[in-house]
Amino acid sequence: MGWAVTQIYLQAQKRVTVTDALGNSVDAFTYCATSTDPSLLPHSWYLNHVIVGAKETGVPAVYLDAMSDTPSQEDPDRKRDARERAIYK
């Protein structure tokens, strides 16, 4: 397991096995926060990335609803915000 310190939290890299509905498995790495600040919110463009990806992979509606209800904040860096959102145009 690897460790990384970011500006927001300490995270651990974990290896996981992901299995789809057909039983196909693939090994992958994921990052898990080990210490977070609950007052920090994701930027709205980042949350949009998560929601678009979830829709593309067929995540059940109940999970999409929960993601859509997640509080977020606008990015004060408007150029970054525009660049991130432009991916889907």
PDB file of N, CA and C in Angstrom:
ATOM      1  N   MET A   1       0.861  -1.182   0.000  1.00  0.00           N
ATOM      2  CA  MET A   1       0.000   0.000   0.000  1.00  0.00           C
ATOM      3  C   MET A   1       0.894   1.227   0.000  1.00  0.00           C
ATOM      4  N   GLY A   2       0.629   2.168  -0.902  1.00  0.00           N
ATOM      5  CA  GLY A   2       1.385   3.412  -0.964  1.00  0.00           C
ATOM      6  C   GLY A   2       0.661   4.520  -0.235  1.00  0.00           C
ATOM      7  N   TRP A   3       1.399   5.529   0.160  1.00  0.00           N
ATOM      8  CA  TRP A   3       0.807   6.681   0.863  1.00  0.00           C
ATOM      9  C   TRP A   3       1.186   7.953   0.132  1.00  0.00           C
ATOM     10  N   ALA A   4       0.274   8.927   0.146  1.00  0.00           N
ATOM     11  CA  ALA A   4       0.548  10.223  -0.476  1.00  0.00           C
ATOM     12  C   ALA A   4      -0.099  11.311   0.363  1.00  0.00           C
ATOM     13  N   VAL A   5       0.583  12.421   0.497  1.00  0.00           N
ATOM     14  CA  VAL A   5       0.022  13.554   1.216  1.00  0.00           C
ATOM     15  C   VAL A   5      -0.393  14.596   0.191  1.00  0.00           C
ATOM     16  N   THR A   6      -1.647  15.005   0.231  1.00  0.00           N
ATOM     17  CA  THR A   6      -2.132  16.056  -0.655  1.00  0.00           C
ATOM     18  C   THR A   6      -2.448  17.276   0.182  1.00  0.00           C
ATOM     19  N   GLN A   7      -2.896  18.327  -0.460  1.00  0.00           N
ATOM     20  CA  GLN A   7      -3.245  19.535   0.274  1.00  0.00           C
ATOM     21  C   GLN A   7      -4.461  19.304   1.157  1.00  0.00           C
ATOM     22  N   ILE A   8      -5.304  18.357   0.799  1.00  0.00           N
ATOM     23  CA  ILE A   8      -6.561  18.196   1.501  1.00  0.00           C
ATOM     24  C   ILE A   8      -6.532  17.063   2.519  1.00  0.00           C
ATOM     25  N   TYR A   9      -5.944  15.934   2.175  1.00  0.00           N
ATOM     26  CA  TYR A   9      -6.018  14.789   3.070  1.00  0.00           C
ATOM     27  C   TYR A   9      -4.879  13.811   2.824  1.00  0.00           C
ATOM     28  N   LEU A  10      -4.714  12.921   3.772  1.00  0.00           N
ATOM     29  CA  LEU A  10      -3.775  11.821   3.631  1.00  0.00           C
ATOM     30  C   LEU A  10      -4.530  10.684   2.971  1.00  0.00           C
ATOM     31  N   GLN A  11      -3.927  10.049   1.975  1.00  0.00           N
ATOM     32  CA  GLN A  11      -4.636   8.990   1.273  1.00  0.00           C
ATOM     33  C   GLN A  11      -3.773   7.742   1.173  1.00  0.00           C
ATOM     34  N   ALA A  12      -4.441   6.606   1.096  1.00  0.00           N
ATOM     35  CA  ALA A  12      -3.759   5.335   0.930  1.00  0.00           C
ATOM     36  C   ALA A  12      -4.150   4.762  -0.424  1.00  0.00           C
ATOM     37  N   GLN A  13      -3.173   4.255  -1.152  1.00  0.00           N
ATOM     38  CA  GLN A  13      -3.455   3.589  -2.423  1.00  0.00           C
ATOM     39  C   GLN A  13      -3.667   2.114  -2.113  1.00  0.00           C
ATOM     40  N   LYS A  14      -4.787   1.570  -2.581  1.00  0.00           N
ATOM     41  CA  LYS A  14      -5.103   0.165  -2.330  1.00  0.00           C
ATOM     42  C   LYS A  14      -5.353  -0.553  -3.643  1.00  0.00           C
ATOM     43  N   ARG A  15      -4.940  -1.787  -3.700  1.00  0.00           N
ATOM     44  CA  ARG A  15      -5.230  -2.621  -4.865  1.00  0.00           C
ATOM     45  C   ARG A  15      -6.542  -3.346  -4.594  1.00  0.00           C
ATOM     46  N   VAL A  16      -7.433  -3.317  -5.573  1.00  0.00           N
ATOM     47  CA  VAL A  16      -8.741  -3.960  -5.441  1.00  0.00           C
ATOM     48  C   VAL A  16      -9.020  -4.789  -6.686  1.00  0.00           C
ATOM     49  N   THR A  17      -9.935  -5.730  -6.562  1.00  0.00           N
ATOM     50  CA  THR A  17     -10.428  -6.477  -7.711  1.00  0.00           C
ATOM     51  C   THR A  17     -11.852  -6.017  -7.965  1.00  0.00           C
ATOM     52  N   VAL A  18     -12.107  -5.573  -9.195  1.00  0.00           N
ATOM     53  CA  VAL A  18     -13.420  -5.080  -9.583  1.00  0.00           C
ATOM     54  C   VAL A  18     -14.062  -6.136 -10.468  1.00  0.00           C
ATOM     55  N   THR A  19     -15.316  -6.503 -10.148  1.00  0.00           N
ATOM     56  CA  THR A  19     -16.032  -7.514 -10.910  1.00  0.00           C
ATOM     57  C   THR A  19     -17.317  -6.905 -11.466  1.00  0.00           C
ATOM     58  N   ASP A  20     -17.545  -7.102 -12.777  1.00  0.00           N
ATOM     59  CA  ASP A  20     -18.755  -6.556 -13.388  1.00  0.00           C
ATOM     60  C   ASP A  20     -19.918  -7.533 -13.265  1.00  0.00           C
ATOM     61  N   ALA A  21     -21.072  -7.134 -13.787  1.00  0.00           N
ATOM     62  CA  ALA A  21     -22.292  -7.936 -13.662  1.00  0.00           C
ATOM     63  C   ALA A  21     -22.182  -9.287 -14.367  1.00  0.00           C
ATOM     64  N   LEU A  22     -21.262  -9.408 -15.319  1.00  0.00           N
ATOM     65  CA  LEU A  22     -21.084 -10.663 -16.045  1.00  0.00           C
ATOM     66  C   LEU A  22     -20.053 -11.575 -15.387  1.00  0.00           C
ATOM     67  N   GLY A  23     -19.462 -11.102 -14.303  1.00  0.00           N
ATOM     68  CA  GLY A  23     -18.468 -11.905 -13.593  1.00  0.00           C
ATOM     69  C   GLY A  23     -17.041 -11.690 -14.054  1.00  0.00           C
ATOM     70  N   ASN A  24     -16.818 -10.754 -14.972  1.00  0.00           N
ATOM     71  CA  ASN A  24     -15.460 -10.436 -15.421  1.00  0.00           C
ATOM     72  C   ASN A  24     -14.759  -9.608 -14.348  1.00  0.00           C
ATOM     73  N   SER A  25     -13.522  -9.967 -14.045  1.00  0.00           N
ATOM     74  CA  SER A  25     -12.774  -9.267 -12.999  1.00  0.00           C
ATOM     75  C   SER A  25     -11.521  -8.618 -13.570  1.00  0.00           C
ATOM     76  N   VAL A  26     -11.141  -7.519 -12.956  1.00  0.00           N
ATOM     77  CA  VAL A  26      -9.912  -6.825 -13.313  1.00  0.00           C
ATOM     78  C   VAL A  26      -9.321  -6.237 -12.028  1.00  0.00           C
ATOM     79  N   ASP A  27      -8.006  -6.283 -11.920  1.00  0.00           N
ATOM     80  CA  ASP A  27      -7.339  -5.655 -10.785  1.00  0.00           C
ATOM     81  C   ASP A  27      -7.164  -4.169 -11.073  1.00  0.00           C
ATOM     82  N   ALA A  28      -7.331  -3.361 -10.047  1.00  0.00           N
ATOM     83  CA  ALA A  28      -7.224  -1.912 -10.194  1.00  0.00           C
ATOM     84  C   ALA A  28      -6.667  -1.314  -8.911  1.00  0.00           C
ATOM     85  N   PHE A  29      -6.263  -0.056  -9.000  1.00  0.00           N
ATOM     86  CA  PHE A  29      -5.835   0.682  -7.817  1.00  0.00           C
ATOM     87  C   PHE A  29      -6.875   1.749  -7.521  1.00  0.00           C
ATOM     88  N   THR A  30      -7.113   1.982  -6.259  1.00  0.00           N
ATOM     89  CA  THR A  30      -8.018   3.039  -5.833  1.00  0.00           C
ATOM     90  C   THR A  30      -7.351   3.806  -4.699  1.00  0.00           C
ATOM     91  N   TYR A  31      -7.791   5.012  -4.495  1.00  0.00           N
ATOM     92  CA  TYR A  31      -7.272   5.836  -3.413  1.00  0.00           C
ATOM     93  C   TYR A  31      -8.351   5.999  -2.372  1.00  0.00           C
ATOM     94  N   CYS A  32      -7.996   5.808  -1.127  1.00  0.00           N
ATOM     95  CA  CYS A  32      -8.933   5.936  -0.010  1.00  0.00           C
ATOM     96  C   CYS A  32      -8.397   6.987   0.948  1.00  0.00           C
ATOM     97  N   ALA A  33      -9.229   7.946   1.261  1.00  0.00           N
ATOM     98  CA  ALA A  33      -8.821   8.972   2.219  1.00  0.00           C
ATOM     99  C   ALA A  33      -8.722   8.340   3.603  1.00  0.00           C
ATOM    100  N   THR A  34      -7.666   8.639   4.302  1.00  0.00           N
ATOM    101  CA  THR A  34      -7.497   8.135   5.663  1.00  0.00           C
ATOM    102  C   THR A  34      -7.735   9.226   6.696  1.00  0.00           C
ATOM    103  N   SER A  35      -7.765  10.462   6.235  1.00  0.00           N
ATOM    104  CA  SER A  35      -8.026  11.598   7.106  1.00  0.00           C
ATOM    105  C   SER A  35      -8.602  12.702   6.239  1.00  0.00           C
ATOM    106  N   THR A  36      -9.785  13.176   6.569  1.00  0.00           N
ATOM    107  CA  THR A  36     -10.425  14.210   5.751  1.00  0.00           C
ATOM    108  C   THR A  36     -10.890  15.374   6.609  1.00  0.00           C
ATOM    109  N   ASP A  37     -11.225  16.458   5.955  1.00  0.00           N
ATOM    110  CA  ASP A  37     -11.783  17.634   6.611  1.00  0.00           C
ATOM    111  C   ASP A  37     -13.216  17.770   6.111  1.00  0.00           C
ATOM    112  N   PRO A  38     -14.221  17.474   6.946  1.00  0.00           N
ATOM    113  CA  PRO A  38     -15.615  17.494   6.495  1.00  0.00           C
ATOM    114  C   PRO A  38     -16.108  18.864   6.037  1.00  0.00           C
ATOM    115  N   SER A  39     -15.357  19.919   6.326  1.00  0.00           N
ATOM    116  CA  SER A  39     -15.788  21.242   5.884  1.00  0.00           C
ATOM    117  C   SER A  39     -15.419  21.499   4.420  1.00  0.00           C
ATOM    118  N   LEU A  40     -14.554  20.654   3.855  1.00  0.00           N
ATOM    119  CA  LEU A  40     -14.145  20.821   2.462  1.00  0.00           C
ATOM    120  C   LEU A  40     -15.133  20.112   1.538  1.00  0.00           C
ATOM    121  N   LEU A  41     -15.482  20.763   0.444  1.00  0.00           N
ATOM    122  CA  LEU A  41     -16.419  20.203  -0.526  1.00  0.00           C
ATOM    123  C   LEU A  41     -15.714  20.042  -1.865  1.00  0.00           C
ATOM    124  N   PRO A  42     -16.128  19.059  -2.667  1.00  0.00           N
ATOM    125  CA  PRO A  42     -15.528  18.922  -3.996  1.00  0.00           C
ATOM    126  C   PRO A  42     -15.981  20.070  -4.896  1.00  0.00           C
ATOM    127  N   HIS A  43     -15.147  20.391  -5.869  1.00  0.00           N
ATOM    128  CA  HIS A  43     -15.578  21.367  -6.860  1.00  0.00           C
ATOM    129  C   HIS A  43     -16.702  20.755  -7.680  1.00  0.00           C
ATOM    130  N   SER A  44     -17.618  21.584  -8.138  1.00  0.00           N
ATOM    131  CA  SER A  44     -18.775  21.080  -8.882  1.00  0.00           C
ATOM    132  C   SER A  44     -18.351  20.386 -10.175  1.00  0.00           C
ATOM    133  N   TRP A  45     -17.273  20.839 -10.819  1.00  0.00           N
ATOM    134  CA  TRP A  45     -16.818  20.172 -12.043  1.00  0.00           C
ATOM    135  C   TRP A  45     -16.322  18.766 -11.741  1.00  0.00           C
ATOM    136  N   TYR A  46     -15.687  18.575 -10.587  1.00  0.00           N
ATOM    137  CA  TYR A  46     -15.204  17.244 -10.217  1.00  0.00           C
ATOM    138  C   TYR A  46     -16.383  16.308  -9.963  1.00  0.00           C
ATOM    139  N   LEU A  47     -17.364  16.795  -9.227  1.00  0.00           N
ATOM    140  CA  LEU A  47     -18.551  15.988  -8.968  1.00  0.00           C
ATOM    141  C   LEU A  47     -19.231  15.627 -10.281  1.00  0.00           C
ATOM    142  N   ASN A  48     -19.236  16.561 -11.223  1.00  0.00           N
ATOM    143  CA  ASN A  48     -19.799  16.274 -12.540  1.00  0.00           C
ATOM    144  C   ASN A  48     -19.047  15.134 -13.224  1.00  0.00           C
ATOM    145  N   HIS A  49     -17.707  15.105 -13.129  1.00  0.00           N
ATOM    146  CA  HIS A  49     -16.927  13.991 -13.690  1.00  0.00           C
ATOM    147  C   HIS A  49     -17.415  12.664 -13.105  1.00  0.00           C
ATOM    148  N   VAL A  50     -17.598  12.633 -11.810  1.00  0.00           N
ATOM    149  CA  VAL A  50     -18.023  11.408 -11.128  1.00  0.00           C
ATOM    150  C   VAL A  50     -19.408  10.975 -11.620  1.00  0.00           C
ATOM    151  N   ILE A  51     -20.321  11.915 -11.716  1.00  0.00           N
ATOM    152  CA  ILE A  51     -21.688  11.599 -12.134  1.00  0.00           C
ATOM    153  C   ILE A  51     -21.727  11.144 -13.592  1.00  0.00           C
ATOM    154  N   VAL A  52     -21.001  11.818 -14.471  1.00  0.00           N
ATOM    155  CA  VAL A  52     -20.967  11.410 -15.879  1.00  0.00           C
ATOM    156  C   VAL A  52     -20.405   9.986 -15.994  1.00  0.00           C
ATOM    157  N   GLY A  53     -19.330   9.714 -15.303  1.00  0.00           N
ATOM    158  CA  GLY A  53     -18.744   8.375 -15.337  1.00  0.00           C
ATOM    159  C   GLY A  53     -19.690   7.317 -14.795  1.00  0.00           C
ATOM    160  N   ALA A  54     -20.407   7.660 -13.738  1.00  0.00           N
ATOM    161  CA  ALA A  54     -21.362   6.720 -13.158  1.00  0.00           C
ATOM    162  C   ALA A  54     -22.488   6.411 -14.149  1.00  0.00           C
ATOM    163  N   LYS A  55     -22.972   7.442 -14.827  1.00  0.00           N
ATOM    164  CA  LYS A  55     -24.029   7.233 -15.831  1.00  0.00           C
ATOM    165  C   LYS A  55     -23.525   6.361 -16.973  1.00  0.00           C
ATOM    166  N   GLU A  56     -22.298   6.625 -17.436  1.00  0.00           N
ATOM    167  CA  GLU A  56     -21.732   5.867 -18.549  1.00  0.00           C
ATOM    168  C   GLU A  56     -21.550   4.391 -18.215  1.00  0.00           C
ATOM    169  N   THR A  57     -21.359   4.080 -16.959  1.00  0.00           N
ATOM    170  CA  THR A  57     -21.139   2.686 -16.571  1.00  0.00           C
ATOM    171  C   THR A  57     -22.396   2.009 -16.051  1.00  0.00           C
ATOM    172  N   GLY A  58     -23.523   2.716 -16.085  1.00  0.00           N
ATOM    173  CA  GLY A  58     -24.790   2.092 -15.706  1.00  0.00           C
ATOM    174  C   GLY A  58     -25.009   1.930 -14.213  1.00  0.00           C
ATOM    175  N   VAL A  59     -24.475   2.832 -13.430  1.00  0.00           N
ATOM    176  CA  VAL A  59     -24.683   2.777 -11.982  1.00  0.00           C
ATOM    177  C   VAL A  59     -26.188   2.908 -11.696  1.00  0.00           C
ATOM    178  N   PRO A  60     -26.712   2.137 -10.746  1.00  0.00           N
ATOM    179  CA  PRO A  60     -28.141   2.213 -10.426  1.00  0.00           C
ATOM    180  C   PRO A  60     -28.582   3.631 -10.046  1.00  0.00           C
ATOM    181  N   ALA A  61     -29.830   3.946 -10.365  1.00  0.00           N
ATOM    182  CA  ALA A  61     -30.391   5.281 -10.142  1.00  0.00           C
ATOM    183  C   ALA A  61     -30.269   5.727  -8.689  1.00  0.00           C
ATOM    184  N   VAL A  62     -30.402   4.823  -7.758  1.00  0.00           N
ATOM    185  CA  VAL A  62     -30.327   5.207  -6.341  1.00  0.00           C
ATOM    186  C   VAL A  62     -28.947   5.790  -6.016  1.00  0.00           C
ATOM    187  N   TYR A  63     -27.890   5.253  -6.636  1.00  0.00           N
ATOM    188  CA  TYR A  63     -26.546   5.781  -6.418  1.00  0.00           C
ATOM    189  C   TYR A  63     -26.375   7.121  -7.132  1.00  0.00           C
ATOM    190  N   LEU A  64     -26.927   7.224  -8.345  1.00  0.00           N
ATOM    191  CA  LEU A  64     -26.857   8.502  -9.061  1.00  0.00           C
ATOM    192  C   LEU A  64     -27.562   9.602  -8.278  1.00  0.00           C
ATOM    193  N   ASP A  65     -28.713   9.263  -7.695  1.00  0.00           N
ATOM    194  CA  ASP A  65     -29.432  10.250  -6.892  1.00  0.00           C
ATOM    195  C   ASP A  65     -28.589  10.705  -5.701  1.00  0.00           C
ATOM    196  N   ALA A  66     -27.934   9.753  -5.053  1.00  0.00           N
ATOM    197  CA  ALA A  66     -27.092  10.097  -3.895  1.00  0.00           C
ATOM    198  C   ALA A  66     -25.926  10.982  -4.324  1.00  0.00           C
ATOM    199  N   MET A  67     -25.322  10.669  -5.470  1.00  0.00           N
ATOM    200  CA  MET A  67     -24.218  11.494  -5.968  1.00  0.00           C
ATOM    201  C   MET A  67     -24.710  12.903  -6.297  1.00  0.00           C
ATOM    202  N   SER A  68     -25.862  12.977  -6.928  1.00  0.00           N
ATOM    203  CA  SER A  68     -26.418  14.274  -7.306  1.00  0.00           C
ATOM    204  C   SER A  68     -26.762  15.138  -6.102  1.00  0.00           C
ATOM    205  N   ASP A  69     -27.040  14.501  -4.972  1.00  0.00           N
ATOM    206  CA  ASP A  69     -27.366  15.224  -3.744  1.00  0.00           C
ATOM    207  C   ASP A  69     -26.125  15.635  -2.951  1.00  0.00           C
ATOM    208  N   THR A  70     -24.942  15.256  -3.429  1.00  0.00           N
ATOM    209  CA  THR A  70     -23.709  15.580  -2.721  1.00  0.00           C
ATOM    210  C   THR A  70     -23.422  17.081  -2.820  1.00  0.00           C
ATOM    211  N   PRO A  71     -23.212  17.745  -1.696  1.00  0.00           N
ATOM    212  CA  PRO A  71     -22.887  19.176  -1.741  1.00  0.00           C
ATOM    213  C   PRO A  71     -21.553  19.395  -2.460  1.00  0.00           C
ATOM    214  N   SER A  72     -21.457  20.489  -3.186  1.00  0.00           N
ATOM    215  CA  SER A  72     -20.209  20.834  -3.868  1.00  0.00           C
ATOM    216  C   SER A  72     -20.034  22.349  -3.820  1.00  0.00           C
ATOM    217  N   GLN A  73     -18.890  22.806  -4.288  1.00  0.00           N
ATOM    218  CA  GLN A  73     -18.614  24.242  -4.324  1.00  0.00           C
ATOM    219  C   GLN A  73     -18.111  24.618  -5.709  1.00  0.00           C
ATOM    220  N   GLU A  74     -18.321  25.860  -6.083  1.00  0.00           N
ATOM    221  CA  GLU A  74     -17.805  26.355  -7.352  1.00  0.00           C
ATOM    222  C   GLU A  74     -16.297  26.571  -7.230  1.00  0.00           C
ATOM    223  N   ASP A  75     -15.588  26.290  -8.276  1.00  0.00           N
ATOM    224  CA  ASP A  75     -14.138  26.466  -8.313  1.00  0.00           C
ATOM    225  C   ASP A  75     -13.833  27.945  -8.570  1.00  0.00           C
ATOM    226  N   PRO A  76     -13.078  28.592  -7.705  1.00  0.00           N
ATOM    227  CA  PRO A  76     -12.731  30.003  -7.946  1.00  0.00           C
ATOM    228  C   PRO A  76     -11.825  30.172  -9.171  1.00  0.00           C
ATOM    229  N   ASP A  77     -11.175  29.092  -9.618  1.00  0.00           N
ATOM    230  CA  ASP A  77     -10.341  29.119 -10.819  1.00  0.00           C
ATOM    231  C   ASP A  77     -11.256  28.830 -12.009  1.00  0.00           C
ATOM    232  N   ARG A  78     -11.830  29.892 -12.583  1.00  0.00           N
ATOM    233  CA  ARG A  78     -12.821  29.753 -13.654  1.00  0.00           C
ATOM    234  C   ARG A  78     -12.240  29.108 -14.905  1.00  0.00           C
ATOM    235  N   LYS A  79     -10.948  29.312 -15.176  1.00  0.00           N
ATOM    236  CA  LYS A  79     -10.331  28.680 -16.343  1.00  0.00           C
ATOM    237  C   LYS A  79     -10.269  27.163 -16.163  1.00  0.00           C
ATOM    238  N   ARG A  80      -9.902  26.727 -14.986  1.00  0.00           N
ATOM    239  CA  ARG A  80      -9.861  25.285 -14.715  1.00  0.00           C
ATOM    240  C   ARG A  80     -11.263  24.711 -14.811  1.00  0.00           C
ATOM    241  N   ASP A  81     -12.227  25.408 -14.235  1.00  0.00           N
ATOM    242  CA  ASP A  81     -13.616  24.955 -14.287  1.00  0.00           C
ATOM    243  C   ASP A  81     -14.059  24.766 -15.743  1.00  0.00           C
ATOM    244  N   ALA A  82     -13.805  25.766 -16.579  1.00  0.00           N
ATOM    245  CA  ALA A  82     -14.199  25.698 -17.992  1.00  0.00           C
ATOM    246  C   ALA A  82     -13.471  24.566 -18.719  1.00  0.00           C
ATOM    247  N   ARG A  83     -12.184  24.405 -18.435  1.00  0.00           N
ATOM    248  CA  ARG A  83     -11.388  23.349 -19.075  1.00  0.00           C
ATOM    249  C   ARG A  83     -11.928  21.967 -18.708  1.00  0.00           C
ATOM    250  N   GLU A  84     -12.239  21.773 -17.443  1.00  0.00           N
ATOM    251  CA  GLU A  84     -12.754  20.473 -16.988  1.00  0.00           C
ATOM    252  C   GLU A  84     -14.122  20.169 -17.573  1.00  0.00           C
ATOM    253  N   ARG A  85     -14.982  21.173 -17.645  1.00  0.00           N
ATOM    254  CA  ARG A  85     -16.320  20.960 -18.195  1.00  0.00           C
ATOM    255  C   ARG A  85     -16.314  20.778 -19.713  1.00  0.00           C
ATOM    256  N   ALA A  86     -15.292  21.347 -20.378  1.00  0.00           N
ATOM    257  CA  ALA A  86     -15.204  21.265 -21.840  1.00  0.00           C
ATOM    258  C   ALA A  86     -14.968  19.835 -22.330  1.00  0.00           C
ATOM    259  N   ILE A  87     -14.541  18.966 -21.456  1.00  0.00           N
ATOM    260  CA  ILE A  87     -14.304  17.571 -21.829  1.00  0.00           C
ATOM    261  C   ILE A  87     -15.554  16.941 -22.427  1.00  0.00           C
ATOM    262  N   TYR A  88     -16.716  17.369 -21.989  1.00  0.00           N
ATOM    263  CA  TYR A  88     -17.969  16.735 -22.387  1.00  0.00           C
ATOM    264  C   TYR A  88     -18.672  17.454 -23.530  1.00  0.00           C
ATOM    265  N   LYS A  89     -18.050  18.424 -24.148  1.00  0.00           N
ATOM    266  CA  LYS A  89     -18.694  19.158 -25.233  1.00  0.00           C
ATOM    267  C   LYS A  89     -18.280  18.637 -26.584  1.00  0.00           C
TER     268      LYS A  89
END
